[in-house]
C-alpha atoms as a PDB file:
ATOM      1  CA  MET A   1     164.791  -4.702 -31.882  1.00  0.00           C
ATOM      2  CA  GLY A   2     166.317  -1.750 -33.679  1.00  0.00           C
ATOM      3  CA  TRP A   3     165.702   1.975 -33.782  1.00  0.00           C
ATOM      4  CA  ASP A   4     163.456   1.655 -36.853  1.00  0.00           C
ATOM      5  CA  ASP A   5     161.126  -1.014 -35.450  1.00  0.00           C
ATOM      6  CA  GLU A   6     157.513  -0.346 -34.632  1.00  0.00           C
ATOM      7  CA  PHE A   7     158.379  -0.256 -30.919  1.00  0.00           C
ATOM      8  CA  GLY A   8     161.419   1.912 -31.485  1.00  0.00           C
ATOM      9  CA  GLY A   9     164.100   3.702 -29.556  1.00  0.00           C
ATOM     10  CA  SER A  10     161.983   6.699 -28.649  1.00  0.00           C
ATOM     11  CA  TYR A  11     159.833   4.537 -26.377  1.00  0.00           C
ATOM     12  CA  ILE A  12     162.869   2.858 -24.852  1.00  0.00           C
ATOM     13  CA  MET A  13     164.402   6.242 -23.990  1.00  0.00           C
ATOM     14  CA  ALA A  14     161.148   7.457 -22.445  1.00  0.00           C
ATOM     15  CA  MET A  15     160.958   4.278 -20.366  1.00  0.00           C
ATOM     16  CA  MET A  16     164.452   4.972 -18.997  1.00  0.00           C
ATOM     17  CA  LEU A  17     163.244   8.340 -17.689  1.00  0.00           C
ATOM     18  CA  LEU A  18     160.029   6.899 -16.276  1.00  0.00           C
ATOM     19  CA  LEU A  19     161.892   4.082 -14.513  1.00  0.00           C
ATOM     20  CA  ASN A  20     164.281   6.628 -13.008  1.00  0.00           C
ATOM     21  CA  VAL A  21     161.355   8.710 -11.740  1.00  0.00           C
ATOM     22  CA  VAL A  22     159.639   5.628 -10.277  1.00  0.00           C
ATOM     23  CA  ASP A  23     162.914   4.625  -8.592  1.00  0.00           C
ATOM     24  CA  ASP A  24     163.180   8.083  -6.997  1.00  0.00           C
ATOM     25  CA  ILE A  25     159.592   7.783  -5.743  1.00  0.00           C
ATOM     26  CA  ILE A  26     160.207   4.320  -4.272  1.00  0.00           C
ATOM     27  CA  GLU A  27     163.429   5.413  -2.565  1.00  0.00           C
ATOM     28  CA  GLY A  28     161.723   8.442  -1.034  1.00  0.00           C
ATOM     29  CA  VAL A  29     163.995  11.040  -2.591  1.00  0.00           C
ATOM     30  CA  ARG A  30     163.349  14.607  -1.480  1.00  0.00           C
ATOM     31  CA  HIS A  31     160.967  16.586  -3.768  1.00  0.00           C
ATOM     32  CA  ARG A  32     160.166  13.405  -5.723  1.00  0.00           C
ATOM     33  CA  TRP A  33     156.594  14.234  -6.751  1.00  0.00           C
ATOM     34  CA  PRO A  34     157.281  17.687  -8.208  1.00  0.00           C
ATOM     35  CA  ALA A  35     160.347  16.238  -9.943  1.00  0.00           C
ATOM     36  CA  ALA A  36     158.297  13.402 -11.453  1.00  0.00           C
ATOM     37  CA  LEU A  37     155.590  15.733 -12.732  1.00  0.00           C
ATOM     38  CA  ALA A  38     158.100  18.213 -14.142  1.00  0.00           C
ATOM     39  CA  ALA A  39     160.176  15.480 -15.821  1.00  0.00           C
ATOM     40  CA  VAL A  40     157.172  13.962 -17.592  1.00  0.00           C
ATOM     41  CA  ALA A  41     155.903  17.399 -18.637  1.00  0.00           C
ATOM     42  CA  ILE A  42     159.332  18.393 -19.973  1.00  0.00           C
ATOM     43  CA  LEU A  43     159.669  15.033 -21.750  1.00  0.00           C
ATOM     44  CA  SER A  44     156.449  15.438 -23.663  1.00  0.00           C
ATOM     45  CA  GLY A  45     156.785  19.182 -24.280  1.00  0.00           C
ATOM     46  CA  ALA A  46     160.397  19.147 -25.419  1.00  0.00           C
ATOM     47  CA  SER A  47     159.833  16.103 -27.631  1.00  0.00           C
ATOM     48  CA  TRP A  48     156.834  17.728 -29.278  1.00  0.00           C
ATOM     49  CA  LEU A  49     158.623  21.045 -29.823  1.00  0.00           C
ATOM     50  CA  THR A  50     161.741  19.345 -31.181  1.00  0.00           C
ATOM     51  CA  SER A  51     159.762  17.224 -33.617  1.00  0.00           C
ATOM     52  CA  ALA A  52     157.953  20.360 -34.814  1.00  0.00           C
ATOM     53  CA  VAL A  53     161.255  22.147 -35.483  1.00  0.00           C
ATOM     54  CA  LEU A  54     163.100  19.281 -37.208  1.00  0.00           C
ATOM     55  CA  PRO A  55     163.254  19.499 -40.991  1.00  0.00           C
ATOM     56  CA  GLY A  56     161.089  17.253 -43.121  1.00  0.00           C
ATOM     57  CA  SER A  57     164.148  15.844 -44.887  1.00  0.00           C
ATOM     58  CA  LEU A  58     164.811  13.544 -41.929  1.00  0.00           C
ATOM     59  CA  GLY A  59     163.193  10.146 -41.898  1.00  0.00           C
ATOM     60  CA  ALA A  60     160.312   9.612 -39.486  1.00  0.00           C
ATOM     61  CA  ALA A  61     162.321   7.222 -37.313  1.00  0.00           C
ATOM     62  CA  TRP A  62     165.241   9.654 -37.045  1.00  0.00           C
ATOM     63  CA  ALA A  63     162.963  12.568 -36.209  1.00  0.00           C
ATOM     64  CA  LYS A  64     161.224  10.593 -33.444  1.00  0.00           C
ATOM     65  CA  THR A  65     164.560   9.409 -32.057  1.00  0.00           C
ATOM     66  CA  ILE A  66     166.121  12.870 -31.995  1.00  0.00           C
ATOM     67  CA  ALA A  67     162.998  14.417 -30.449  1.00  0.00           C
ATOM     68  CA  ALA A  68     162.874  11.710 -27.792  1.00  0.00           C
ATOM     69  CA  ALA A  69     166.575  12.143 -27.021  1.00  0.00           C
ATOM     70  CA  VAL A  70     166.092  15.872 -26.463  1.00  0.00           C
ATOM     71  CA  GLY A  71     163.012  15.306 -24.286  1.00  0.00           C
ATOM     72  CA  VAL A  72     164.631  12.577 -22.193  1.00  0.00           C
ATOM     73  CA  THR A  73     167.838  14.566 -21.692  1.00  0.00           C
ATOM     74  CA  LEU A  74     165.927  17.630 -20.513  1.00  0.00           C
ATOM     75  CA  GLY A  75     163.651  15.438 -18.372  1.00  0.00           C
ATOM     76  CA  PHE A  76     166.644  13.877 -16.605  1.00  0.00           C
ATOM     77  CA  ALA A  77     168.200  17.314 -16.063  1.00  0.00           C
ATOM     78  CA  VAL A  78     164.995  18.770 -14.590  1.00  0.00           C
ATOM     79  CA  ALA A  79     164.409  15.756 -12.327  1.00  0.00           C
ATOM     80  CA  ALA A  80     168.002  15.878 -11.089  1.00  0.00           C
ATOM     81  CA  ALA A  81     167.837  19.615 -10.424  1.00  0.00           C
ATOM     82  CA  ILE A  82     164.538  19.446  -8.534  1.00  0.00           C
ATOM     83  CA  THR A  83     165.503  16.471  -6.363  1.00  0.00           C
ATOM     84  CA  ARG A  84     168.650  18.276  -5.274  1.00  0.00           C
ATOM     85  CA  LEU A  85     166.888  21.424  -4.091  1.00  0.00           C
ATOM     86  CA  PRO A  86     167.518  22.070  -0.399  1.00  0.00           C
ATOM     87  CA  GLU A  87     164.793  21.503   2.189  1.00  0.00           C
ATOM     88  CA  ARG A  88     163.218  24.543   3.775  1.00  0.00           C
ATOM     89  CA  LEU A  89     164.724  25.279   7.137  1.00  0.00           C
ATOM     90  CA  ALA A  90     162.255  25.192  10.008  1.00  0.00           C
ATOM     91  CA  ALA A  91     163.949  28.192  11.629  1.00  0.00           C
ATOM     92  CA  ALA A  92     163.489  30.297   8.487  1.00  0.00           C
ATOM     93  CA  ARG A  93     159.691  30.210   8.758  1.00  0.00           C
END
């Protein structure tokens, strides 16, 4: 299976992010549900925006791969940032 196949690299990259999010949910990581929702939203939004900005001179497979790489990278960054937010202190309430 290569990057140009019908089931190409863009789907494989998205699956890496989704498996990471599911792993965080199973392990019970702090703030896992907001992180999962934000990561999937960023994945789809950033991929769509990137594919809209890319020039038409790129091949369709390259455009999908680059857009997916941008979306997955931002999705991982958002999920990592949200899961590392500190818990609210009970005394601060």
